[in-house]
Amino acid sequence: MKNVLLLSICFVAILSCTSKKEKERIRMETVRDSTKKAQAWKDSVAIADQDRAIGNIYFGISPKVFDKKLEEFKESTKTPYSASLDGTVIMYNNRIGDFKFIVVTPEFYQDSLWSVEINGYNYNRYEYVYETKSQKESLVKELTKKYGKPEYDFPVRNDYTTEGHYLIAGWNVGKKRVTILSAYFKDKYNLVLQIFNMEVNARLRDEEYQKMKEGEKNLKSASDLL
């Protein structure tokens, strides 16, 4: 009887252990499947969207085409924010979600668009965090819907001591890079949305490096002549 009871206990223990292992196996498979699906979704978005800078503006277009597309983009982002009492005069600004911008700056490589920088309003140190916190959060929210979670997501700050651009959030979308930056120049802060082609960016960096090496070589040659 004792042997039967012992065998029963062992059998139940084995079943329990097997059940736990099976649950763990199913859980791991579910995680793997979810990861694969998430990656497949991310890849499909990257393939579909990597050649598009923003709106109806695509990488590779000429300066002339860009000017036309930019006007269309500005018109599509025009948002009323104030009106006279009788409603006859309406004031507009340009927005992407809650992000209010004033300047769109393109960069071309061999007459082909490869980068777009969208600059928000300038603020002083005290206005900046208050005015741009919701704008930054709105951009991150919309970009996360489209491209998934950013690689990093830092809060808006107003305590920089060195002028320059500071990374806030970023996404890789195929060969496209999307970043939100905080710019600090001449005691003024502004939010910047930057979208560029990483392949062209790498090519430009390589060309710059080669020019630097060539300059060093020429400098050595000149010193040999003296």
Protein backbone atom coordinates (compact mmCIF):
# COMPACT_ATOMS: atom_id res chain seq x y z
CA MET A 1 0.00 0.00 0.00
CA LYS A 2 2.84 2.32 0.89
CA ASN A 3 4.51 1.52 -2.44
CA VAL A 4 1.32 2.33 -4.33
CA LEU A 5 0.97 5.63 -2.48
CA LEU A 6 4.59 6.50 -3.19
CA LEU A 7 4.17 5.70 -6.87
CA SER A 8 1.04 7.85 -7.00
CA ILE A 9 2.88 10.79 -5.44
CA CYS A 10 5.77 10.38 -7.91
CA PHE A 11 3.33 10.17 -10.82
CA VAL A 12 1.58 13.39 -9.74
CA ALA A 13 4.96 15.12 -9.31
CA ILE A 14 6.05 14.03 -12.81
CA LEU A 15 2.76 15.26 -14.29
CA SER A 16 3.12 18.59 -12.50
CA CYS A 17 6.71 19.00 -13.71
CA THR A 18 5.71 18.04 -17.26
CA SER A 19 2.79 20.49 -17.13
CA LYS A 20 5.08 23.32 -16.01
CA LYS A 21 7.58 22.54 -18.79
CA GLU A 22 4.79 22.45 -21.36
CA LYS A 23 3.43 25.80 -20.16
CA GLU A 24 6.91 27.30 -20.34
CA ARG A 25 7.41 25.88 -23.85
CA ILE A 26 4.09 27.37 -24.99
CA ARG A 27 4.96 30.72 -23.39
CA MET A 28 8.35 30.82 -25.13
CA GLU A 29 6.79 29.93 -28.48
CA THR A 30 4.20 32.68 -28.01
CA VAL A 31 6.95 35.21 -27.27
CA ARG A 32 8.92 34.08 -30.33
CA ASP A 33 5.83 34.30 -32.54
CA SER A 34 5.02 37.78 -31.21
CA THR A 35 8.61 38.91 -31.82
CA LYS A 36 8.55 37.54 -35.36
CA LYS A 37 5.22 39.24 -36.10
CA ALA A 38 6.47 42.54 -34.66
CA GLN A 39 9.63 42.34 -36.76
CA ALA A 40 7.65 41.40 -39.88
CA TRP A 41 5.37 44.41 -39.30
CA LYS A 42 8.38 46.69 -38.77
CA ASP A 43 10.05 45.37 -41.94
CA SER A 44 6.88 45.89 -44.00
CA VAL A 45 6.57 49.48 -42.76
CA ALA A 46 10.25 50.12 -43.53
CA ILE A 47 9.91 48.79 -47.09
CA ALA A 48 6.80 50.87 -47.72
CA ASP A 49 8.00 54.09 -46.09
CA GLN A 50 11.79 54.29 -46.31
CA ASP A 51 11.82 56.40 -49.48
CA ARG A 52 9.37 58.97 -48.14
CA ALA A 53 10.76 61.94 -46.23
CA ILE A 54 7.45 63.33 -44.96
CA GLY A 55 3.96 63.87 -46.29
CA ASN A 56 4.11 63.87 -50.09
CA ILE A 57 7.86 64.67 -50.13
CA TYR A 58 10.13 61.80 -51.22
CA PHE A 59 13.87 61.34 -51.15
CA GLY A 60 15.52 61.61 -54.55
CA ILE A 61 13.42 64.47 -55.94
CA SER A 62 15.03 67.53 -57.52
CA PRO A 63 15.10 71.02 -55.92
CA LYS A 64 12.42 72.19 -58.36
CA VAL A 65 10.07 69.33 -57.51
CA PHE A 66 10.80 69.79 -53.81
CA ASP A 67 9.70 73.44 -53.91
CA LYS A 68 6.38 72.41 -55.40
CA LYS A 69 5.85 69.55 -52.96
CA LEU A 70 6.82 71.76 -50.02
CA GLU A 71 4.05 74.23 -50.86
CA GLU A 72 1.57 71.34 -50.97
CA PHE A 73 2.88 70.05 -47.63
CA LYS A 74 2.59 73.48 -45.99
CA GLU A 75 -0.95 73.83 -47.28
CA SER A 76 -1.88 70.39 -45.88
CA THR A 77 -0.47 71.26 -42.43
CA LYS A 78 -2.02 74.74 -42.19
CA THR A 79 -4.08 74.96 -39.00
CA PRO A 80 -6.26 77.87 -37.81
CA TYR A 81 -5.40 79.05 -34.31
CA SER A 82 -7.02 82.48 -33.99
CA ALA A 83 -9.78 84.57 -35.54
CA SER A 84 -11.23 88.05 -35.29
CA LEU A 85 -14.47 88.53 -33.35
CA ASP A 86 -16.52 88.62 -36.54
CA GLY A 87 -14.66 85.62 -37.97
CA THR A 88 -13.55 87.44 -41.11
CA VAL A 89 -9.81 87.29 -40.31
CA ILE A 90 -8.35 83.89 -39.48
CA MET A 91 -4.72 83.31 -38.46
CA TYR A 92 -2.93 80.06 -39.28
CA ASN A 93 0.22 78.21 -38.35
CA ASN A 94 1.68 74.94 -39.63
CA ARG A 95 1.45 71.82 -37.49
CA ILE A 96 2.24 68.13 -37.54
CA GLY A 97 -0.08 66.94 -34.81
CA ASP A 98 0.64 69.39 -31.98
CA PHE A 99 4.15 70.19 -33.27
CA LYS A 100 4.17 73.79 -34.54
CA PHE A 101 6.85 74.48 -37.14
CA ILE A 102 8.05 77.51 -39.08
CA VAL A 103 10.91 76.42 -41.37
CA VAL A 104 11.51 73.33 -43.53
CA THR A 105 15.15 73.04 -44.65
CA PRO A 106 16.11 70.53 -47.38
CA GLU A 107 19.54 69.14 -48.21
CA PHE A 108 20.47 67.83 -51.65
CA TYR A 109 23.19 65.51 -52.85
CA GLN A 110 23.87 65.73 -56.58
CA ASP A 111 20.55 67.61 -57.01
CA SER A 112 18.71 64.80 -55.19
CA LEU A 113 16.88 65.31 -51.89
CA TRP A 114 18.36 63.28 -49.06
CA SER A 115 17.46 65.19 -45.86
CA VAL A 116 14.66 67.35 -44.49
CA GLU A 117 14.86 69.33 -41.25
CA ILE A 118 11.66 70.80 -39.81
CA ASN A 119 12.25 73.51 -37.22
CA GLY A 120 9.73 74.45 -34.57
CA TYR A 121 9.20 77.84 -32.95
CA ASN A 122 12.00 79.48 -30.97
CA TYR A 123 11.54 79.86 -27.21
CA ASN A 124 13.59 81.23 -24.37
CA ARG A 125 14.85 78.98 -21.58
CA TYR A 126 11.75 79.47 -19.42
CA GLU A 127 9.17 78.98 -22.16
CA TYR A 128 10.78 76.00 -23.88
CA VAL A 129 9.85 73.04 -21.68
CA TYR A 130 6.33 74.34 -21.04
CA GLU A 131 5.65 75.08 -24.72
CA THR A 132 7.28 72.01 -26.31
CA LYS A 133 6.65 69.18 -23.84
CA SER A 134 3.22 68.38 -25.32
CA GLN A 135 4.52 68.95 -28.87
CA LYS A 136 7.33 66.44 -28.36
CA GLU A 137 4.97 63.91 -26.75
CA SER A 138 2.56 64.31 -29.66
CA LEU A 139 5.32 63.64 -32.20
CA VAL A 140 6.57 60.58 -30.28
CA LYS A 141 3.03 59.23 -30.01
CA GLU A 142 2.31 59.58 -33.73
CA LEU A 143 5.71 58.22 -34.81
CA THR A 144 5.37 55.28 -32.39
CA LYS A 145 2.01 54.39 -33.93
CA LYS A 146 3.68 54.31 -37.31
CA TYR A 147 7.16 52.90 -36.62
CA GLY A 148 6.94 51.26 -33.20
CA LYS A 149 8.75 52.26 -30.01
CA PRO A 150 11.72 54.62 -30.47
CA GLU A 151 15.27 53.45 -29.78
CA TYR A 152 15.41 56.08 -27.06
CA ASP A 153 13.04 58.70 -25.64
CA PHE A 154 14.46 61.48 -23.47
CA PRO A 155 12.51 64.33 -21.84
CA VAL A 156 12.70 67.89 -23.13
CA ARG A 157 15.36 69.90 -21.25
CA ASN A 158 16.31 73.56 -20.99
CA ASP A 159 19.63 73.36 -19.12
CA TYR A 160 22.12 72.99 -21.98
CA THR A 161 25.31 75.02 -21.66
CA THR A 162 26.86 74.22 -25.06
CA GLU A 163 25.19 75.23 -28.33
CA GLY A 164 24.16 72.41 -30.64
CA HIS A 165 21.55 69.76 -31.40
CA TYR A 166 20.64 67.20 -28.73
CA LEU A 167 18.89 63.90 -29.44
CA ILE A 168 15.50 63.33 -27.84
CA ALA A 169 14.01 60.38 -29.75
CA GLY A 170 14.92 58.31 -32.80
CA TRP A 171 13.71 55.58 -35.19
CA ASN A 172 15.38 53.60 -37.97
CA VAL A 173 12.95 52.89 -40.80
CA GLY A 174 14.79 50.84 -43.41
CA LYS A 175 17.34 53.23 -44.87
CA LYS A 176 15.50 56.23 -43.39
CA ARG A 177 16.39 57.80 -40.04
CA VAL A 178 13.82 59.85 -38.10
CA THR A 179 14.99 61.89 -35.11
CA ILE A 180 13.51 64.47 -32.77
CA LEU A 181 16.12 66.97 -31.63
CA SER A 182 16.37 69.80 -29.17
CA ALA A 183 18.31 72.73 -30.67
CA TYR A 184 20.05 75.33 -28.51
CA PHE A 185 21.61 78.41 -30.15
CA LYS A 186 22.09 81.99 -28.91
CA ASP A 187 20.02 81.40 -25.76
CA LYS A 188 17.08 80.18 -27.83
CA TYR A 189 15.61 76.67 -27.88
CA ASN A 190 13.52 74.94 -30.48
CA LEU A 191 12.25 71.48 -31.33
CA VAL A 192 13.49 69.91 -34.57
CA LEU A 193 12.16 66.97 -36.58
CA GLN A 194 14.89 65.58 -38.83
CA ILE A 195 14.41 62.89 -41.49
CA PHE A 196 17.26 61.72 -43.68
CA ASN A 197 18.51 58.91 -45.92
CA MET A 198 21.16 56.97 -43.96
CA GLU A 199 22.84 55.59 -47.09
CA VAL A 200 23.49 59.08 -48.47
CA ASN A 201 24.54 60.29 -45.04
CA ALA A 202 27.13 57.50 -44.85
CA ARG A 203 28.36 58.34 -48.36
CA LEU A 204 28.79 62.00 -47.45
CA ARG A 205 30.69 61.09 -44.29
CA ASP A 206 32.98 58.83 -46.30
CA GLU A 207 33.60 61.57 -48.88
CA GLU A 208 34.39 64.02 -46.10
CA TYR A 209 36.80 61.53 -44.55
CA GLN A 210 38.54 60.95 -47.90
CA LYS A 211 38.93 64.71 -48.40
CA MET A 212 40.45 65.01 -44.94
CA LYS A 213 42.92 62.19 -45.69
CA GLU A 214 43.79 63.80 -49.02
CA GLY A 215 44.35 67.12 -47.26
CA GLU A 216 46.72 65.45 -44.78
CA LYS A 217 48.59 63.81 -47.66
CA ASN A 218 48.98 67.14 -49.50
CA LEU A 219 50.17 68.79 -46.30
CA LYS A 220 52.88 66.18 -45.91
CA SER A 221 53.92 66.63 -49.54
CA ALA A 222 54.18 70.40 -49.08
CA SER A 223 56.31 69.98 -45.96
CA ASP A 224 58.67 67.69 -47.91
CA LEU A 225 59.26 70.50 -50.40
CA LEU A 226 60.39 72.99 -47.76
